[in-house]
């Protein structure tokens, strides 16, 4: 695709991920920091980044983003809403289980609502010149557990759920996932602010859940 784009003078954007970083930092990753992926997903994205950067062209760029979600489709928000639903809780109670969801609380990043990423990409396409790499996410940071708690709070306020379910913070080790993920993958988005300013992730979540509430039928 890159060879064809170069041949025909087509601008090219590669969507990448916060998972190109190893998570050892305690400060948001800048576009200039050296990536070091710790899982196959991050490594595959990093290989694609190398293809783009090798072109040394201001008509090609990389957009790293993180924790994407939308009111439809399969993602963390829709999964949490399903697990917190009355139907799911009733099914657990029928099995003699107490409704409970374990959520990882030692991985920190930033959610990104797909709609706003799309708006940023549109504005980026209107720019005459590009930098090699941009970072884009909503503003702020949280753990997956904190994200889940906010989903529960806002969804309850909107009437998207009536069931009471306990959210339990757990470590990545206790969650026992076969995939290794960075413990800290917040992106420094300041370079992108000249194109568009990200909104707080809590505000974006509210917009997403409101859209879901009016489209749930």
C-alpha atoms as a PDB file:
ATOM      1  CA  UNK A   1       0.000   0.000   0.000  1.00  0.00           C
ATOM      2  CA  UNK A   2       2.840   2.380   0.851  1.00  0.00           C
ATOM      3  CA  UNK A   3       4.598   1.677  -2.450  1.00  0.00           C
ATOM      4  CA  UNK A   4       1.384   2.331  -4.385  1.00  0.00           C
ATOM      5  CA  UNK A   5       0.694   5.530  -2.416  1.00  0.00           C
ATOM      6  CA  UNK A   6       4.193   6.805  -3.137  1.00  0.00           C
ATOM      7  CA  UNK A   7       3.959   5.897  -6.819  1.00  0.00           C
ATOM      8  CA  UNK A   8       0.676   7.740  -7.339  1.00  0.00           C
ATOM      9  CA  UNK A   9       1.288  10.648  -4.950  1.00  0.00           C
ATOM     10  CA  UNK A  10      -1.349   9.605  -2.412  1.00  0.00           C
ATOM     11  CA  UNK A  11      -1.075  10.756   1.204  1.00  0.00           C
ATOM     12  CA  UNK A  12      -0.979   7.891   3.694  1.00  0.00           C
ATOM     13  CA  UNK A  13      -1.907   7.636   7.400  1.00  0.00           C
ATOM     14  CA  UNK A  14      -0.943   4.591   9.494  1.00  0.00           C
ATOM     15  CA  UNK A  15      -3.062   4.062  12.620  1.00  0.00           C
ATOM     16  CA  UNK A  16      -0.890   2.716  15.399  1.00  0.00           C
ATOM     17  CA  UNK A  17      -1.166   2.107  19.127  1.00  0.00           C
ATOM     18  CA  UNK A  18       0.054   3.049  22.591  1.00  0.00           C
ATOM     19  CA  UNK A  19       1.114  -0.599  22.897  1.00  0.00           C
ATOM     20  CA  UNK A  20       4.281   0.100  20.901  1.00  0.00           C
ATOM     21  CA  UNK A  21       5.667   1.237  24.285  1.00  0.00           C
ATOM     22  CA  UNK A  22       6.822  -1.059  27.093  1.00  0.00           C
ATOM     23  CA  UNK A  23       4.992   0.726  29.926  1.00  0.00           C
ATOM     24  CA  UNK A  24       8.093   1.353  32.041  1.00  0.00           C
ATOM     25  CA  UNK A  25       7.671   5.138  31.962  1.00  0.00           C
ATOM     26  CA  UNK A  26       5.743   7.055  34.610  1.00  0.00           C
ATOM     27  CA  UNK A  27       5.154  10.057  32.338  1.00  0.00           C
ATOM     28  CA  UNK A  28       3.121  10.283  29.102  1.00  0.00           C
ATOM     29  CA  UNK A  29       5.061   9.029  26.088  1.00  0.00           C
ATOM     30  CA  UNK A  30       6.097  11.702  23.583  1.00  0.00           C
ATOM     31  CA  UNK A  31       6.284  11.173  19.828  1.00  0.00           C
ATOM     32  CA  UNK A  32      10.091  11.280  20.061  1.00  0.00           C
ATOM     33  CA  UNK A  33      10.512   8.460  22.578  1.00  0.00           C
ATOM     34  CA  UNK A  34      11.886   5.160  21.337  1.00  0.00           C
ATOM     35  CA  UNK A  35       9.203   2.447  21.203  1.00  0.00           C
ATOM     36  CA  UNK A  36       9.715  -1.000  22.691  1.00  0.00           C
ATOM     37  CA  UNK A  37       6.690  -3.264  22.320  1.00  0.00           C
ATOM     38  CA  UNK A  38       6.129  -6.135  24.766  1.00  0.00           C
ATOM     39  CA  UNK A  39       3.368  -8.039  22.956  1.00  0.00           C
ATOM     40  CA  UNK A  40       2.729  -9.295  19.425  1.00  0.00           C
ATOM     41  CA  UNK A  41       0.056  -6.681  18.720  1.00  0.00           C
ATOM     42  CA  UNK A  42       2.445  -3.836  19.587  1.00  0.00           C
ATOM     43  CA  UNK A  43       5.288  -5.464  17.681  1.00  0.00           C
ATOM     44  CA  UNK A  44       3.195  -5.816  14.513  1.00  0.00           C
ATOM     45  CA  UNK A  45       2.159  -2.157  14.723  1.00  0.00           C
ATOM     46  CA  UNK A  46       5.787  -1.173  15.256  1.00  0.00           C
ATOM     47  CA  UNK A  47       6.838  -3.055  12.120  1.00  0.00           C
ATOM     48  CA  UNK A  48       4.216  -1.101  10.164  1.00  0.00           C
ATOM     49  CA  UNK A  49       5.525   2.147  11.675  1.00  0.00           C
ATOM     50  CA  UNK A  50       9.025   1.291  10.433  1.00  0.00           C
ATOM     51  CA  UNK A  51       7.689   0.929   6.877  1.00  0.00           C
ATOM     52  CA  UNK A  52       6.160   4.421   7.060  1.00  0.00           C
ATOM     53  CA  UNK A  53       9.195   6.078   8.651  1.00  0.00           C
ATOM     54  CA  UNK A  54      11.530   4.517   6.071  1.00  0.00           C
ATOM     55  CA  UNK A  55       9.731   6.560   3.396  1.00  0.00           C
ATOM     56  CA  UNK A  56      11.015   9.826   4.936  1.00  0.00           C
ATOM     57  CA  UNK A  57       8.079  11.647   3.382  1.00  0.00           C
ATOM     58  CA  UNK A  58       5.926  14.474   4.765  1.00  0.00           C
ATOM     59  CA  UNK A  59       3.039  12.887   2.836  1.00  0.00           C
ATOM     60  CA  UNK A  60       3.085   9.890   5.203  1.00  0.00           C
ATOM     61  CA  UNK A  61       2.397   9.907   8.935  1.00  0.00           C
ATOM     62  CA  UNK A  62       1.633   7.694  11.924  1.00  0.00           C
ATOM     63  CA  UNK A  63      -1.179   8.273  14.425  1.00  0.00           C
ATOM     64  CA  UNK A  64      -0.788   6.458  17.723  1.00  0.00           C
ATOM     65  CA  UNK A  65      -3.977   6.172  19.745  1.00  0.00           C
ATOM     66  CA  UNK A  66      -5.231   4.174  22.726  1.00  0.00           C
ATOM     67  CA  UNK A  67      -8.138   2.285  24.306  1.00  0.00           C
ATOM     68  CA  UNK A  68     -10.615   2.913  21.476  1.00  0.00           C
ATOM     69  CA  UNK A  69     -14.337   2.590  22.130  1.00  0.00           C
ATOM     70  CA  UNK A  70     -17.739   3.513  20.690  1.00  0.00           C
ATOM     71  CA  UNK A  71     -21.362   3.082  21.714  1.00  0.00           C
ATOM     72  CA  UNK A  72     -21.685   0.193  19.243  1.00  0.00           C
ATOM     73  CA  UNK A  73     -19.419  -2.711  18.417  1.00  0.00           C
ATOM     74  CA  UNK A  74     -17.208  -4.824  20.670  1.00  0.00           C
ATOM     75  CA  UNK A  75     -15.022  -2.833  23.038  1.00  0.00           C
ATOM     76  CA  UNK A  76     -14.452  -2.258  26.755  1.00  0.00           C
ATOM     77  CA  UNK A  77     -17.486   0.021  27.210  1.00  0.00           C
ATOM     78  CA  UNK A  78     -20.005  -2.274  25.531  1.00  0.00           C
ATOM     79  CA  UNK A  79     -18.494  -5.302  27.293  1.00  0.00           C
ATOM     80  CA  UNK A  80     -18.803  -3.637  30.700  1.00  0.00           C
ATOM     81  CA  UNK A  81     -22.397  -2.616  30.001  1.00  0.00           C
ATOM     82  CA  UNK A  82     -23.228  -6.191  29.041  1.00  0.00           C
ATOM     83  CA  UNK A  83     -21.576  -7.629  32.154  1.00  0.00           C
ATOM     84  CA  UNK A  84     -23.405  -5.075  34.332  1.00  0.00           C
ATOM     85  CA  UNK A  85     -26.797  -5.778  32.738  1.00  0.00           C
ATOM     86  CA  UNK A  86     -29.773  -7.186  34.649  1.00  0.00           C
ATOM     87  CA  UNK A  87     -29.848 -10.239  32.371  1.00  0.00           C
ATOM     88  CA  UNK A  88     -26.223 -11.107  33.102  1.00  0.00           C
ATOM     89  CA  UNK A  89     -26.691 -10.582  36.834  1.00  0.00           C
ATOM     90  CA  UNK A  90     -29.804 -12.772  36.866  1.00  0.00           C
ATOM     91  CA  UNK A  91     -27.867 -15.504  35.074  1.00  0.00           C
ATOM     92  CA  UNK A  92     -25.125 -15.346  37.721  1.00  0.00           C
ATOM     93  CA  UNK A  93     -27.651 -15.408  40.575  1.00  0.00           C
ATOM     94  CA  UNK A  94     -29.358 -18.424  39.001  1.00  0.00           C
ATOM     95  CA  UNK A  95     -26.002 -20.222  39.224  1.00  0.00           C
ATOM     96  CA  UNK A  96     -25.675 -19.278  42.882  1.00  0.00           C
ATOM     97  CA  UNK A  97     -23.000 -16.685  42.134  1.00  0.00           C
ATOM     98  CA  UNK A  98     -22.781 -13.128  43.493  1.00  0.00           C
ATOM     99  CA  UNK A  99     -22.662 -10.587  40.618  1.00  0.00           C
ATOM    100  CA  UNK A 100     -19.066  -9.409  40.513  1.00  0.00           C
ATOM    101  CA  UNK A 101     -16.675  -8.172  37.823  1.00  0.00           C
ATOM    102  CA  UNK A 102     -12.898  -8.269  38.259  1.00  0.00           C
ATOM    103  CA  UNK A 103     -11.234  -5.324  36.515  1.00  0.00           C
ATOM    104  CA  UNK A 104      -7.503  -4.704  36.167  1.00  0.00           C
ATOM    105  CA  UNK A 105      -6.333  -1.754  38.262  1.00  0.00           C
ATOM    106  CA  UNK A 106      -2.583  -1.678  37.567  1.00  0.00           C
ATOM    107  CA  UNK A 107      -2.641  -0.703  33.874  1.00  0.00           C
ATOM    108  CA  UNK A 108      -2.919   3.030  33.225  1.00  0.00           C
ATOM    109  CA  UNK A 109      -3.770   4.614  29.879  1.00  0.00           C
ATOM    110  CA  UNK A 110      -6.387   6.858  28.351  1.00  0.00           C
ATOM    111  CA  UNK A 111      -9.693   5.959  26.683  1.00  0.00           C
ATOM    112  CA  UNK A 112     -10.330   7.359  23.215  1.00  0.00           C
ATOM    113  CA  UNK A 113     -13.813   7.815  21.813  1.00  0.00           C
ATOM    114  CA  UNK A 114     -13.787   6.849  18.138  1.00  0.00           C
ATOM    115  CA  UNK A 115     -15.886   9.836  17.030  1.00  0.00           C
ATOM    116  CA  UNK A 116     -13.302  12.333  18.257  1.00  0.00           C
ATOM    117  CA  UNK A 117     -10.428  10.371  16.721  1.00  0.00           C
ATOM    118  CA  UNK A 118     -12.312  10.558  13.410  1.00  0.00           C
ATOM    119  CA  UNK A 119     -12.695  14.339  13.802  1.00  0.00           C
ATOM    120  CA  UNK A 120      -8.972  14.666  14.479  1.00  0.00           C
ATOM    121  CA  UNK A 121      -8.111  12.582  11.410  1.00  0.00           C
ATOM    122  CA  UNK A 122     -10.386  14.738   9.258  1.00  0.00           C
ATOM    123  CA  UNK A 123      -8.695  17.923  10.490  1.00  0.00           C
ATOM    124  CA  UNK A 124      -5.303  16.323   9.982  1.00  0.00           C
ATOM    125  CA  UNK A 125      -6.157  15.577   6.349  1.00  0.00           C
ATOM    126  CA  UNK A 126      -6.764  19.296   5.821  1.00  0.00           C
ATOM    127  CA  UNK A 127      -3.209  20.149   6.908  1.00  0.00           C
ATOM    128  CA  UNK A 128      -0.766  20.874   4.090  1.00  0.00           C
ATOM    129  CA  UNK A 129       2.230  19.478   5.962  1.00  0.00           C
ATOM    130  CA  UNK A 130       2.460  16.574   8.386  1.00  0.00           C
ATOM    131  CA  UNK A 131       4.867  15.600  11.117  1.00  0.00           C
ATOM    132  CA  UNK A 132       6.046  11.992  11.038  1.00  0.00           C
ATOM    133  CA  UNK A 133       4.157  10.923  14.188  1.00  0.00           C
ATOM    134  CA  UNK A 134       1.161  12.222  16.121  1.00  0.00           C
ATOM    135  CA  UNK A 135      -0.418  10.998  19.331  1.00  0.00           C
ATOM    136  CA  UNK A 136      -4.164  11.232  19.905  1.00  0.00           C
ATOM    137  CA  UNK A 137      -6.356  10.203  22.822  1.00  0.00           C
ATOM    138  CA  UNK A 138      -8.917  11.852  25.042  1.00  0.00           C
ATOM    139  CA  UNK A 139      -7.466  14.043  27.798  1.00  0.00           C
ATOM    140  CA  UNK A 140      -6.483  12.600  31.162  1.00  0.00           C
ATOM    141  CA  UNK A 141      -5.646   9.090  32.310  1.00  0.00           C
ATOM    142  CA  UNK A 142      -7.166   6.222  34.271  1.00  0.00           C
ATOM    143  CA  UNK A 143      -6.864   2.531  34.994  1.00  0.00           C
ATOM    144  CA  UNK A 144      -9.259   0.002  33.491  1.00  0.00           C
ATOM    145  CA  UNK A 145     -10.932  -0.264  36.904  1.00  0.00           C
ATOM    146  CA  UNK A 146     -11.405   3.509  37.131  1.00  0.00           C
ATOM    147  CA  UNK A 147     -12.787   3.481  33.598  1.00  0.00           C
ATOM    148  CA  UNK A 148     -15.252   0.724  34.546  1.00  0.00           C
ATOM    149  CA  UNK A 149     -16.377   2.612  37.663  1.00  0.00           C
ATOM    150  CA  UNK A 150     -17.083   5.718  35.590  1.00  0.00           C
ATOM    151  CA  UNK A 151     -18.995   3.651  33.019  1.00  0.00           C
ATOM    152  CA  UNK A 152     -21.117   2.196  35.822  1.00  0.00           C
ATOM    153  CA  UNK A 153     -21.777   5.595  37.413  1.00  0.00           C
ATOM    154  CA  UNK A 154     -22.707   7.389  34.196  1.00  0.00           C
ATOM    155  CA  UNK A 155     -24.721   4.499  32.746  1.00  0.00           C
ATOM    156  CA  UNK A 156     -26.744   4.209  35.959  1.00  0.00           C
ATOM    157  CA  UNK A 157     -27.476   7.941  35.908  1.00  0.00           C
ATOM    158  CA  UNK A 158     -28.703   7.641  32.309  1.00  0.00           C
ATOM    159  CA  UNK A 159     -30.932   4.668  33.111  1.00  0.00           C
ATOM    160  CA  UNK A 160     -28.920   2.286  30.938  1.00  0.00           C
ATOM    161  CA  UNK A 161     -28.715  -0.170  33.834  1.00  0.00           C
ATOM    162  CA  UNK A 162     -30.656  -0.902  36.989  1.00  0.00           C
ATOM    163  CA  UNK A 163     -28.696  -3.813  38.380  1.00  0.00           C
ATOM    164  CA  UNK A 164     -26.166  -3.439  41.154  1.00  0.00           C
ATOM    165  CA  UNK A 165     -22.918  -5.239  40.455  1.00  0.00           C
ATOM    166  CA  UNK A 166     -19.694  -5.128  42.426  1.00  0.00           C
ATOM    167  CA  UNK A 167     -16.546  -4.066  40.593  1.00  0.00           C
ATOM    168  CA  UNK A 168     -13.431  -5.547  42.157  1.00  0.00           C
ATOM    169  CA  UNK A 169      -9.970  -4.117  41.366  1.00  0.00           C
ATOM    170  CA  UNK A 170      -7.380  -6.805  40.636  1.00  0.00           C
ATOM    171  CA  UNK A 171      -3.776  -6.914  39.476  1.00  0.00           C
ATOM    172  CA  UNK A 172      -2.775  -7.999  35.980  1.00  0.00           C
ATOM    173  CA  UNK A 173      -1.216 -11.092  37.532  1.00  0.00           C
ATOM    174  CA  UNK A 174      -4.435 -12.042  39.303  1.00  0.00           C
ATOM    175  CA  UNK A 175      -6.484 -11.376  36.163  1.00  0.00           C
ATOM    176  CA  UNK A 176      -4.411 -14.110  34.530  1.00  0.00           C
ATOM    177  CA  UNK A 177      -4.548 -12.866  30.939  1.00  0.00           C
ATOM    178  CA  UNK A 178      -2.298 -14.640  28.397  1.00  0.00           C
ATOM    179  CA  UNK A 179      -1.482 -11.236  26.864  1.00  0.00           C
ATOM    180  CA  UNK A 180       1.179  -9.037  28.442  1.00  0.00           C
ATOM    181  CA  UNK A 181       0.185  -5.362  28.389  1.00  0.00           C
ATOM    182  CA  UNK A 182       2.160  -2.234  29.377  1.00  0.00           C
ATOM    183  CA  UNK A 183       1.414  -1.015  32.887  1.00  0.00           C
ATOM    184  CA  UNK A 184       1.559   2.622  31.726  1.00  0.00           C
ATOM    185  CA  UNK A 185       0.781   3.686  28.162  1.00  0.00           C
ATOM    186  CA  UNK A 186      -0.516   7.258  28.381  1.00  0.00           C
ATOM    187  CA  UNK A 187       0.302   9.250  25.243  1.00  0.00           C
ATOM    188  CA  UNK A 188       1.563  12.831  25.250  1.00  0.00           C
ATOM    189  CA  UNK A 189      -0.775  14.497  22.725  1.00  0.00           C
ATOM    190  CA  UNK A 190       0.615  18.051  22.855  1.00  0.00           C
ATOM    191  CA  UNK A 191       1.914  17.996  19.263  1.00  0.00           C
ATOM    192  CA  UNK A 192      -1.661  17.362  18.077  1.00  0.00           C
ATOM    193  CA  UNK A 193      -3.136  20.322  19.962  1.00  0.00           C
ATOM    194  CA  UNK A 194      -2.344  22.736  17.127  1.00  0.00           C
ATOM    195  CA  UNK A 195      -4.758  20.687  15.009  1.00  0.00           C
ATOM    196  CA  UNK A 196      -7.417  19.816  17.599  1.00  0.00           C
ATOM    197  CA  UNK A 197      -7.752  19.873  21.394  1.00  0.00           C
ATOM    198  CA  UNK A 198      -8.811  16.609  23.066  1.00  0.00           C
ATOM    199  CA  UNK A 199     -11.667  16.670  25.586  1.00  0.00           C
ATOM    200  CA  UNK A 200     -11.536  14.952  29.003  1.00  0.00           C
ATOM    201  CA  UNK A 201     -12.200  11.222  28.744  1.00  0.00           C
ATOM    202  CA  UNK A 202     -15.069  11.464  31.242  1.00  0.00           C
ATOM    203  CA  UNK A 203     -16.808  14.021  29.008  1.00  0.00           C
ATOM    204  CA  UNK A 204     -16.307  11.847  25.941  1.00  0.00           C
ATOM    205  CA  UNK A 205     -17.669   8.817  27.770  1.00  0.00           C
ATOM    206  CA  UNK A 206     -20.767  10.824  28.682  1.00  0.00           C
ATOM    207  CA  UNK A 207     -21.299  11.684  25.014  1.00  0.00           C
ATOM    208  CA  UNK A 208     -20.840   8.035  24.023  1.00  0.00           C
ATOM    209  CA  UNK A 209     -23.298   6.723  26.624  1.00  0.00           C
ATOM    210  CA  UNK A 210     -25.847   9.395  25.738  1.00  0.00           C
ATOM    211  CA  UNK A 211     -25.604   8.325  22.079  1.00  0.00           C
ATOM    212  CA  UNK A 212     -26.132   4.746  23.204  1.00  0.00           C
ATOM    213  CA  UNK A 213     -29.166   5.711  25.287  1.00  0.00           C
ATOM    214  CA  UNK A 214     -30.917   7.310  22.315  1.00  0.00           C
ATOM    215  CA  UNK A 215     -29.908   4.533  19.897  1.00  0.00           C
ATOM    216  CA  UNK A 216     -30.413   1.501  22.146  1.00  0.00           C
ATOM    217  CA  UNK A 217     -33.601   0.430  20.347  1.00  0.00           C
END
